[in-house]
Amino acid sequence: MTSKQELESEFNAAVEEDLNKRKKSIEDGEALDKEIISRLDAEEIGVTLGTDHHVGVLMLGLATVFTLIALYLIFGMNPDRITGQ
């Protein structure tokens, strides 16, 4: 064999090996997807326990407080300076 033929055979072997690795990776990913979907259907994962809503309300309240404090510090909104006229 010439060096060109050897290089072609090595390249083809490397391409075939890469293709097999990619197929294996895709098969593993599909198997994992099927397992996750079956767990979702069985309601083992992805089901709210009610605490999500409480945490969301607490996060909203905390964000509002920090926003008001930041606005006060940035703009200096002092109630003594506000006049009715």
PDB file of N, CA and C in Angstrom:
ATOM      1  N   MET A   1       0.837  -1.186   0.000  1.00  0.00           N
ATOM      2  CA  MET A   1       0.000   0.000   0.000  1.00  0.00           C
ATOM      3  C   MET A   1       0.882   1.250   0.000  1.00  0.00           C
ATOM      4  N   THR A   2       0.359   2.232  -0.628  1.00  0.00           N
ATOM      5  CA  THR A   2       1.073   3.494  -0.632  1.00  0.00           C
ATOM      6  C   THR A   2       0.656   4.301   0.586  1.00  0.00           C
ATOM      7  N   SER A   3       1.387   5.347   0.821  1.00  0.00           N
ATOM      8  CA  SER A   3       1.079   6.169   1.986  1.00  0.00           C
ATOM      9  C   SER A   3      -0.286   6.841   1.826  1.00  0.00           C
ATOM     10  N   LYS A   4      -0.662   7.153   0.607  1.00  0.00           N
ATOM     11  CA  LYS A   4      -1.979   7.768   0.375  1.00  0.00           C
ATOM     12  C   LYS A   4      -3.095   6.801   0.735  1.00  0.00           C
ATOM     13  N   GLN A   5      -2.948   5.566   0.356  1.00  0.00           N
ATOM     14  CA  GLN A   5      -3.966   4.561   0.681  1.00  0.00           C
ATOM     15  C   GLN A   5      -4.031   4.316   2.191  1.00  0.00           C
ATOM     16  N   GLU A   6      -2.857   4.337   2.837  1.00  0.00           N
ATOM     17  CA  GLU A   6      -2.831   4.160   4.289  1.00  0.00           C
ATOM     18  C   GLU A   6      -3.537   5.325   4.981  1.00  0.00           C
ATOM     19  N   LEU A   7      -3.279   6.531   4.510  1.00  0.00           N
ATOM     20  CA  LEU A   7      -3.941   7.695   5.093  1.00  0.00           C
ATOM     21  C   LEU A   7      -5.445   7.633   4.884  1.00  0.00           C
ATOM     22  N   GLU A   8      -5.874   7.215   3.709  1.00  0.00           N
ATOM     23  CA  GLU A   8      -7.308   7.085   3.434  1.00  0.00           C
ATOM     24  C   GLU A   8      -7.943   6.037   4.331  1.00  0.00           C
ATOM     25  N   SER A   9      -7.273   4.915   4.523  1.00  0.00           N
ATOM     26  CA  SER A   9      -7.837   3.868   5.382  1.00  0.00           C
ATOM     27  C   SER A   9      -7.891   4.328   6.839  1.00  0.00           C
ATOM     28  N   GLU A  10      -6.853   5.053   7.303  1.00  0.00           N
ATOM     29  CA  GLU A  10      -6.872   5.586   8.665  1.00  0.00           C
ATOM     30  C   GLU A  10      -7.985   6.614   8.829  1.00  0.00           C
ATOM     31  N   PHE A  11      -8.149   7.470   7.831  1.00  0.00           N
ATOM     32  CA  PHE A  11      -9.198   8.479   7.888  1.00  0.00           C
ATOM     33  C   PHE A  11     -10.568   7.821   7.922  1.00  0.00           C
ATOM     34  N   ASN A  12     -10.774   6.823   7.056  1.00  0.00           N
ATOM     35  CA  ASN A  12     -12.065   6.121   7.033  1.00  0.00           C
ATOM     36  C   ASN A  12     -12.333   5.415   8.349  1.00  0.00           C
ATOM     37  N   ALA A  13     -11.298   4.850   8.967  1.00  0.00           N
ATOM     38  CA  ALA A  13     -11.463   4.190  10.261  1.00  0.00           C
ATOM     39  C   ALA A  13     -11.824   5.218  11.331  1.00  0.00           C
ATOM     40  N   ALA A  14     -11.174   6.384  11.287  1.00  0.00           N
ATOM     41  CA  ALA A  14     -11.465   7.424  12.266  1.00  0.00           C
ATOM     42  C   ALA A  14     -12.890   7.947  12.090  1.00  0.00           C
ATOM     43  N   VAL A  15     -13.315   8.118  10.839  1.00  0.00           N
ATOM     44  CA  VAL A  15     -14.684   8.581  10.576  1.00  0.00           C
ATOM     45  C   VAL A  15     -15.685   7.546  11.064  1.00  0.00           C
ATOM     46  N   GLU A  16     -15.420   6.290  10.809  1.00  0.00           N
ATOM     47  CA  GLU A  16     -16.333   5.220  11.253  1.00  0.00           C
ATOM     48  C   GLU A  16     -16.405   5.166  12.777  1.00  0.00           C
ATOM     49  N   GLU A  17     -15.273   5.322  13.442  1.00  0.00           N
ATOM     50  CA  GLU A  17     -15.247   5.318  14.904  1.00  0.00           C
ATOM     51  C   GLU A  17     -16.037   6.505  15.461  1.00  0.00           C
ATOM     52  N   ASP A  18     -15.850   7.684  14.861  1.00  0.00           N
ATOM     53  CA  ASP A  18     -16.576   8.872  15.289  1.00  0.00           C
ATOM     54  C   ASP A  18     -18.076   8.695  15.076  1.00  0.00           C
ATOM     55  N   LEU A  19     -18.450   8.110  13.950  1.00  0.00           N
ATOM     56  CA  LEU A  19     -19.858   7.871  13.661  1.00  0.00           C
ATOM     57  C   LEU A  19     -20.476   6.920  14.682  1.00  0.00           C
ATOM     58  N   ASN A  20     -19.727   5.881  15.053  1.00  0.00           N
ATOM     59  CA  ASN A  20     -20.234   4.932  16.056  1.00  0.00           C
ATOM     60  C   ASN A  20     -20.387   5.606  17.421  1.00  0.00           C
ATOM     61  N   LYS A  21     -19.430   6.479  17.777  1.00  0.00           N
ATOM     62  CA  LYS A  21     -19.534   7.193  19.052  1.00  0.00           C
ATOM     63  C   LYS A  21     -20.762   8.106  19.050  1.00  0.00           C
ATOM     64  N   ARG A  22     -20.989   8.776  17.934  1.00  0.00           N
ATOM     65  CA  ARG A  22     -22.151   9.673  17.860  1.00  0.00           C
ATOM     66  C   ARG A  22     -23.462   8.899  17.939  1.00  0.00           C
ATOM     67  N   LYS A  23     -23.537   7.761  17.259  1.00  0.00           N
ATOM     68  CA  LYS A  23     -24.748   6.925  17.326  1.00  0.00           C
ATOM     69  C   LYS A  23     -24.990   6.459  18.749  1.00  0.00           C
ATOM     70  N   LYS A  24     -23.917   6.046  19.438  1.00  0.00           N
ATOM     71  CA  LYS A  24     -24.045   5.582  20.826  1.00  0.00           C
ATOM     72  C   LYS A  24     -24.519   6.730  21.720  1.00  0.00           C
ATOM     73  N   SER A  25     -23.985   7.927  21.505  1.00  0.00           N
ATOM     74  CA  SER A  25     -24.390   9.083  22.297  1.00  0.00           C
ATOM     75  C   SER A  25     -25.864   9.409  22.065  1.00  0.00           C
ATOM     76  N   ILE A  26     -26.293   9.337  20.822  1.00  0.00           N
ATOM     77  CA  ILE A  26     -27.701   9.612  20.510  1.00  0.00           C
ATOM     78  C   ILE A  26     -28.603   8.576  21.153  1.00  0.00           C
ATOM     79  N   GLU A  27     -28.207   7.313  21.096  1.00  0.00           N
ATOM     80  CA  GLU A  27     -29.012   6.246  21.712  1.00  0.00           C
ATOM     81  C   GLU A  27     -29.098   6.431  23.222  1.00  0.00           C
ATOM     82  N   ASP A  28     -27.973   6.806  23.849  1.00  0.00           N
ATOM     83  CA  ASP A  28     -27.982   7.045  25.300  1.00  0.00           C
ATOM     84  C   ASP A  28     -28.893   8.217  25.655  1.00  0.00           C
ATOM     85  N   GLY A  29     -28.848   9.279  24.849  1.00  0.00           N
ATOM     86  CA  GLY A  29     -29.710  10.433  25.086  1.00  0.00           C
ATOM     87  C   GLY A  29     -31.181  10.097  24.928  1.00  0.00           C
ATOM     88  N   GLU A  30     -31.507   9.292  23.926  1.00  0.00           N
ATOM     89  CA  GLU A  30     -32.906   8.890  23.736  1.00  0.00           C
ATOM     90  C   GLU A  30     -33.390   8.023  24.880  1.00  0.00           C
ATOM     91  N   ALA A  31     -32.522   7.142  25.384  1.00  0.00           N
ATOM     92  CA  ALA A  31     -32.901   6.307  26.527  1.00  0.00           C
ATOM     93  C   ALA A  31     -33.155   7.165  27.756  1.00  0.00           C
ATOM     94  N   LEU A  32     -32.308   8.158  27.971  1.00  0.00           N
ATOM     95  CA  LEU A  32     -32.501   9.062  29.110  1.00  0.00           C
ATOM     96  C   LEU A  32     -33.784   9.863  28.953  1.00  0.00           C
ATOM     97  N   ASP A  33     -34.067  10.325  27.738  1.00  0.00           N
ATOM     98  CA  ASP A  33     -35.311  11.063  27.483  1.00  0.00           C
ATOM     99  C   ASP A  33     -36.532  10.199  27.782  1.00  0.00           C
ATOM    100  N   LYS A  34     -36.485   8.933  27.376  1.00  0.00           N
ATOM    101  CA  LYS A  34     -37.612   8.032  27.638  1.00  0.00           C
ATOM    102  C   LYS A  34     -37.807   7.822  29.132  1.00  0.00           C
ATOM    103  N   GLU A  35     -36.707   7.710  29.870  1.00  0.00           N
ATOM    104  CA  GLU A  35     -36.812   7.538  31.322  1.00  0.00           C
ATOM    105  C   GLU A  35     -37.415   8.777  31.971  1.00  0.00           C
ATOM    106  N   ILE A  36     -36.975   9.957  31.547  1.00  0.00           N
ATOM    107  CA  ILE A  36     -37.506  11.200  32.110  1.00  0.00           C
ATOM    108  C   ILE A  36     -38.981  11.346  31.784  1.00  0.00           C
ATOM    109  N   ILE A  37     -39.374  11.047  30.559  1.00  0.00           N
ATOM    110  CA  ILE A  37     -40.779  11.147  30.165  1.00  0.00           C
ATOM    111  C   ILE A  37     -41.638  10.175  30.959  1.00  0.00           C
ATOM    112  N   SER A  38     -41.127   8.954  31.182  1.00  0.00           N
ATOM    113  CA  SER A  38     -41.910   7.994  31.965  1.00  0.00           C
ATOM    114  C   SER A  38     -42.060   8.470  33.408  1.00  0.00           C
ATOM    115  N   ARG A  39     -41.019   9.095  33.971  1.00  0.00           N
ATOM    116  CA  ARG A  39     -41.119   9.629  35.329  1.00  0.00           C
ATOM    117  C   ARG A  39     -42.072  10.813  35.391  1.00  0.00           C
ATOM    118  N   LEU A  40     -42.082  11.641  34.329  1.00  0.00           N
ATOM    119  CA  LEU A  40     -43.043  12.746  34.275  1.00  0.00           C
ATOM    120  C   LEU A  40     -44.467  12.220  34.202  1.00  0.00           C
ATOM    121  N   ASP A  41     -44.685  11.193  33.384  1.00  0.00           N
ATOM    122  CA  ASP A  41     -46.025  10.615  33.265  1.00  0.00           C
ATOM    123  C   ASP A  41     -46.482   9.973  34.563  1.00  0.00           C
ATOM    124  N   ALA A  42     -45.539   9.390  35.308  1.00  0.00           N
ATOM    125  CA  ALA A  42     -45.879   8.777  36.594  1.00  0.00           C
ATOM    126  C   ALA A  42     -45.963   9.807  37.711  1.00  0.00           C
ATOM    127  N   GLU A  43     -45.732  11.083  37.378  1.00  0.00           N
ATOM    128  CA  GLU A  43     -45.781  12.197  38.316  1.00  0.00           C
ATOM    129  C   GLU A  43     -44.787  12.049  39.464  1.00  0.00           C
ATOM    130  N   GLU A  44     -43.625  11.441  39.169  1.00  0.00           N
ATOM    131  CA  GLU A  44     -42.564  11.367  40.166  1.00  0.00           C
ATOM    132  C   GLU A  44     -41.788  12.666  40.210  1.00  0.00           C
ATOM    133  N   ILE A  45     -41.695  13.354  39.068  1.00  0.00           N
ATOM    134  CA  ILE A  45     -40.978  14.620  38.991  1.00  0.00           C
ATOM    135  C   ILE A  45     -41.862  15.632  38.285  1.00  0.00           C
ATOM    136  N   GLY A  46     -41.613  16.895  38.540  1.00  0.00           N
ATOM    137  CA  GLY A  46     -42.329  17.952  37.844  1.00  0.00           C
ATOM    138  C   GLY A  46     -43.674  18.314  38.439  1.00  0.00           C
ATOM    139  N   VAL A  47     -43.981  17.794  39.616  1.00  0.00           N
ATOM    140  CA  VAL A  47     -45.265  18.083  40.247  1.00  0.00           C
ATOM    141  C   VAL A  47     -45.033  19.076  41.379  1.00  0.00           C
ATOM    142  N   THR A  48     -45.781  20.160  41.376  1.00  0.00           N
ATOM    143  CA  THR A  48     -45.634  21.150  42.429  1.00  0.00           C
ATOM    144  C   THR A  48     -46.234  20.620  43.727  1.00  0.00           C
ATOM    145  N   LEU A  49     -45.577  20.951  44.819  1.00  0.00           N
ATOM    146  CA  LEU A  49     -46.047  20.521  46.132  1.00  0.00           C
ATOM    147  C   LEU A  49     -46.739  21.645  46.887  1.00  0.00           C
ATOM    148  N   GLY A  50     -46.941  22.771  46.229  1.00  0.00           N
ATOM    149  CA  GLY A  50     -47.616  23.892  46.854  1.00  0.00           C
ATOM    150  C   GLY A  50     -46.675  24.939  47.405  1.00  0.00           C
ATOM    151  N   THR A  51     -45.455  24.541  47.705  1.00  0.00           N
ATOM    152  CA  THR A  51     -44.505  25.506  48.246  1.00  0.00           C
ATOM    153  C   THR A  51     -43.971  26.435  47.168  1.00  0.00           C
ATOM    154  N   ASP A  52     -44.101  26.045  45.916  1.00  0.00           N
ATOM    155  CA  ASP A  52     -43.604  26.883  44.816  1.00  0.00           C
ATOM    156  C   ASP A  52     -44.290  28.240  44.814  1.00  0.00           C
ATOM    157  N   HIS A  53     -45.576  28.247  45.068  1.00  0.00           N
ATOM    158  CA  HIS A  53     -46.332  29.491  45.054  1.00  0.00           C
ATOM    159  C   HIS A  53     -45.913  30.403  46.205  1.00  0.00           C
ATOM    160  N   HIS A  54     -45.670  29.822  47.371  1.00  0.00           N
ATOM    161  CA  HIS A  54     -45.245  30.611  48.526  1.00  0.00           C
ATOM    162  C   HIS A  54     -43.864  31.217  48.283  1.00  0.00           C
ATOM    163  N   VAL A  55     -42.969  30.426  47.727  1.00  0.00           N
ATOM    164  CA  VAL A  55     -41.626  30.926  47.434  1.00  0.00           C
ATOM    165  C   VAL A  55     -41.702  32.038  46.392  1.00  0.00           C
ATOM    166  N   GLY A  56     -42.561  31.890  45.406  1.00  0.00           N
ATOM    167  CA  GLY A  56     -42.723  32.921  44.382  1.00  0.00           C
ATOM    168  C   GLY A  56     -43.218  34.228  44.962  1.00  0.00           C
ATOM    169  N   VAL A  57     -44.168  34.153  45.872  1.00  0.00           N
ATOM    170  CA  VAL A  57     -44.695  35.367  46.509  1.00  0.00           C
ATOM    171  C   VAL A  57     -43.618  36.021  47.372  1.00  0.00           C
ATOM    172  N   LEU A  58     -42.853  35.218  48.102  1.00  0.00           N
ATOM    173  CA  LEU A  58     -41.773  35.773  48.920  1.00  0.00           C
ATOM    174  C   LEU A  58     -40.709  36.444  48.046  1.00  0.00           C
ATOM    175  N   MET A  59     -40.381  35.818  46.932  1.00  0.00           N
ATOM    176  CA  MET A  59     -39.385  36.409  46.025  1.00  0.00           C
ATOM    177  C   MET A  59     -39.902  37.715  45.430  1.00  0.00           C
ATOM    178  N   LEU A  60     -41.166  37.763  45.072  1.00  0.00           N
ATOM    179  CA  LEU A  60     -41.748  38.987  44.536  1.00  0.00           C
ATOM    180  C   LEU A  60     -41.729  40.099  45.584  1.00  0.00           C
ATOM    181  N   GLY A  61     -42.088  39.779  46.811  1.00  0.00           N
ATOM    182  CA  GLY A  61     -42.079  40.775  47.879  1.00  0.00           C
ATOM    183  C   GLY A  61     -40.682  41.285  48.163  1.00  0.00           C
ATOM    184  N   LEU A  62     -39.714  40.396  48.212  1.00  0.00           N
ATOM    185  CA  LEU A  62     -38.335  40.793  48.467  1.00  0.00           C
ATOM    186  C   LEU A  62     -37.800  41.663  47.329  1.00  0.00           C
ATOM    187  N   ALA A  63     -38.120  41.299  46.090  1.00  0.00           N
ATOM    188  CA  ALA A  63     -37.685  42.102  44.942  1.00  0.00           C
ATOM    189  C   ALA A  63     -38.318  43.487  44.979  1.00  0.00           C
ATOM    190  N   THR A  64     -39.571  43.564  45.396  1.00  0.00           N
ATOM    191  CA  THR A  64     -40.246  44.860  45.486  1.00  0.00           C
ATOM    192  C   THR A  64     -39.601  45.742  46.543  1.00  0.00           C
ATOM    193  N   VAL A  65     -39.281  45.162  47.684  1.00  0.00           N
ATOM    194  CA  VAL A  65     -38.644  45.925  48.758  1.00  0.00           C
ATOM    195  C   VAL A  65     -37.289  46.446  48.301  1.00  0.00           C
ATOM    196  N   PHE A  66     -36.477  45.588  47.694  1.00  0.00           N
ATOM    197  CA  PHE A  66     -35.167  46.026  47.213  1.00  0.00           C
ATOM    198  C   PHE A  66     -35.289  47.080  46.122  1.00  0.00           C
ATOM    199  N   THR A  67     -36.282  46.951  45.267  1.00  0.00           N
ATOM    200  CA  THR A  67     -36.483  47.950  44.218  1.00  0.00           C
ATOM    201  C   THR A  67     -36.844  49.307  44.822  1.00  0.00           C
ATOM    202  N   LEU A  68     -37.723  49.309  45.798  1.00  0.00           N
ATOM    203  CA  LEU A  68     -38.101  50.566  46.439  1.00  0.00           C
ATOM    204  C   LEU A  68     -36.919  51.199  47.170  1.00  0.00           C
ATOM    205  N   ILE A  69     -36.117  50.374  47.816  1.00  0.00           N
ATOM    206  CA  ILE A  69     -34.930  50.904  48.500  1.00  0.00           C
ATOM    207  C   ILE A  69     -33.954  51.487  47.482  1.00  0.00           C
ATOM    208  N   ALA A  70     -33.762  50.786  46.365  1.00  0.00           N
ATOM    209  CA  ALA A  70     -32.846  51.284  45.329  1.00  0.00           C
ATOM    210  C   ALA A  70     -33.360  52.594  44.742  1.00  0.00           C
ATOM    211  N   LEU A  71     -34.656  52.694  44.488  1.00  0.00           N
ATOM    212  CA  LEU A  71     -35.224  53.943  43.967  1.00  0.00           C
ATOM    213  C   LEU A  71     -35.058  55.075  44.968  1.00  0.00           C
ATOM    214  N   TYR A  72     -35.242  54.767  46.232  1.00  0.00           N
ATOM    215  CA  TYR A  72     -35.070  55.788  47.275  1.00  0.00           C
ATOM    216  C   TYR A  72     -33.629  56.283  47.301  1.00  0.00           C
ATOM    217  N   LEU A  73     -32.676  55.349  47.220  1.00  0.00           N
ATOM    218  CA  LEU A  73     -31.268  55.732  47.261  1.00  0.00           C
ATOM    219  C   LEU A  73     -30.841  56.476  45.997  1.00  0.00           C
ATOM    220  N   ILE A  74     -31.367  56.081  44.856  1.00  0.00           N
ATOM    221  CA  ILE A  74     -30.963  56.705  43.599  1.00  0.00           C
ATOM    222  C   ILE A  74     -31.553  58.100  43.458  1.00  0.00           C
ATOM    223  N   PHE A  75     -32.839  58.206  43.664  1.00  0.00           N
ATOM    224  CA  PHE A  75     -33.517  59.467  43.401  1.00  0.00           C
ATOM    225  C   PHE A  75     -33.740  60.311  44.649  1.00  0.00           C
ATOM    226  N   GLY A  76     -33.448  59.809  45.804  1.00  0.00           N
ATOM    227  CA  GLY A  76     -33.606  60.568  47.041  1.00  0.00           C
ATOM    228  C   GLY A  76     -35.029  61.016  47.260  1.00  0.00           C
ATOM    229  N   MET A  77     -35.955  60.118  47.120  1.00  0.00           N
ATOM    230  CA  MET A  77     -37.375  60.482  47.257  1.00  0.00           C
ATOM    231  C   MET A  77     -37.700  60.633  48.735  1.00  0.00           C
ATOM    232  N   ASN A  78     -37.526  61.836  49.217  1.00  0.00           N
ATOM    233  CA  ASN A  78     -37.789  62.151  50.610  1.00  0.00           C
ATOM    234  C   ASN A  78     -39.208  62.705  50.719  1.00  0.00           C
ATOM    235  N   PRO A  79     -40.071  62.094  51.534  1.00  0.00           N
ATOM    236  CA  PRO A  79     -41.450  62.576  51.646  1.00  0.00           C
ATOM    237  C   PRO A  79     -41.557  64.007  52.153  1.00  0.00           C
ATOM    238  N   ASP A  80     -40.553  64.523  52.852  1.00  0.00           N
ATOM    239  CA  ASP A  80     -40.599  65.901  53.349  1.00  0.00           C
ATOM    240  C   ASP A  80     -40.540  66.906  52.197  1.00  0.00           C
ATOM    241  N   ARG A  81     -39.932  66.531  51.093  1.00  0.00           N
ATOM    242  CA  ARG A  81     -39.789  67.461  49.975  1.00  0.00           C
ATOM    243  C   ARG A  81     -41.013  67.462  49.069  1.00  0.00           C
ATOM    244  N   ILE A  82     -41.890  66.497  49.205  1.00  0.00           N
ATOM    245  CA  ILE A  82     -43.068  66.428  48.351  1.00  0.00           C
ATOM    246  C   ILE A  82     -44.123  67.413  48.868  1.00  0.00           C
ATOM    247  N   THR A  83     -44.558  68.289  48.007  1.00  0.00           N
ATOM    248  CA  THR A  83     -45.593  69.259  48.394  1.00  0.00           C
ATOM    249  C   THR A  83     -46.825  69.021  47.545  1.00  0.00           C
ATOM    250  N   GLY A  84     -47.929  69.475  48.003  1.00  0.00           N
ATOM    251  CA  GLY A  84     -49.179  69.270  47.307  1.00  0.00           C
ATOM    252  C   GLY A  84     -49.410  70.252  46.175  1.00  0.00           C
ATOM    253  N   GLN A  85     -48.528  71.145  45.915  1.00  0.00           N
ATOM    254  CA  GLN A  85     -48.766  72.158  44.896  1.00  0.00           C
ATOM    255  C   GLN A  85     -48.055  71.860  43.669  1.00  0.00           C
TER     256      GLN A  85
END
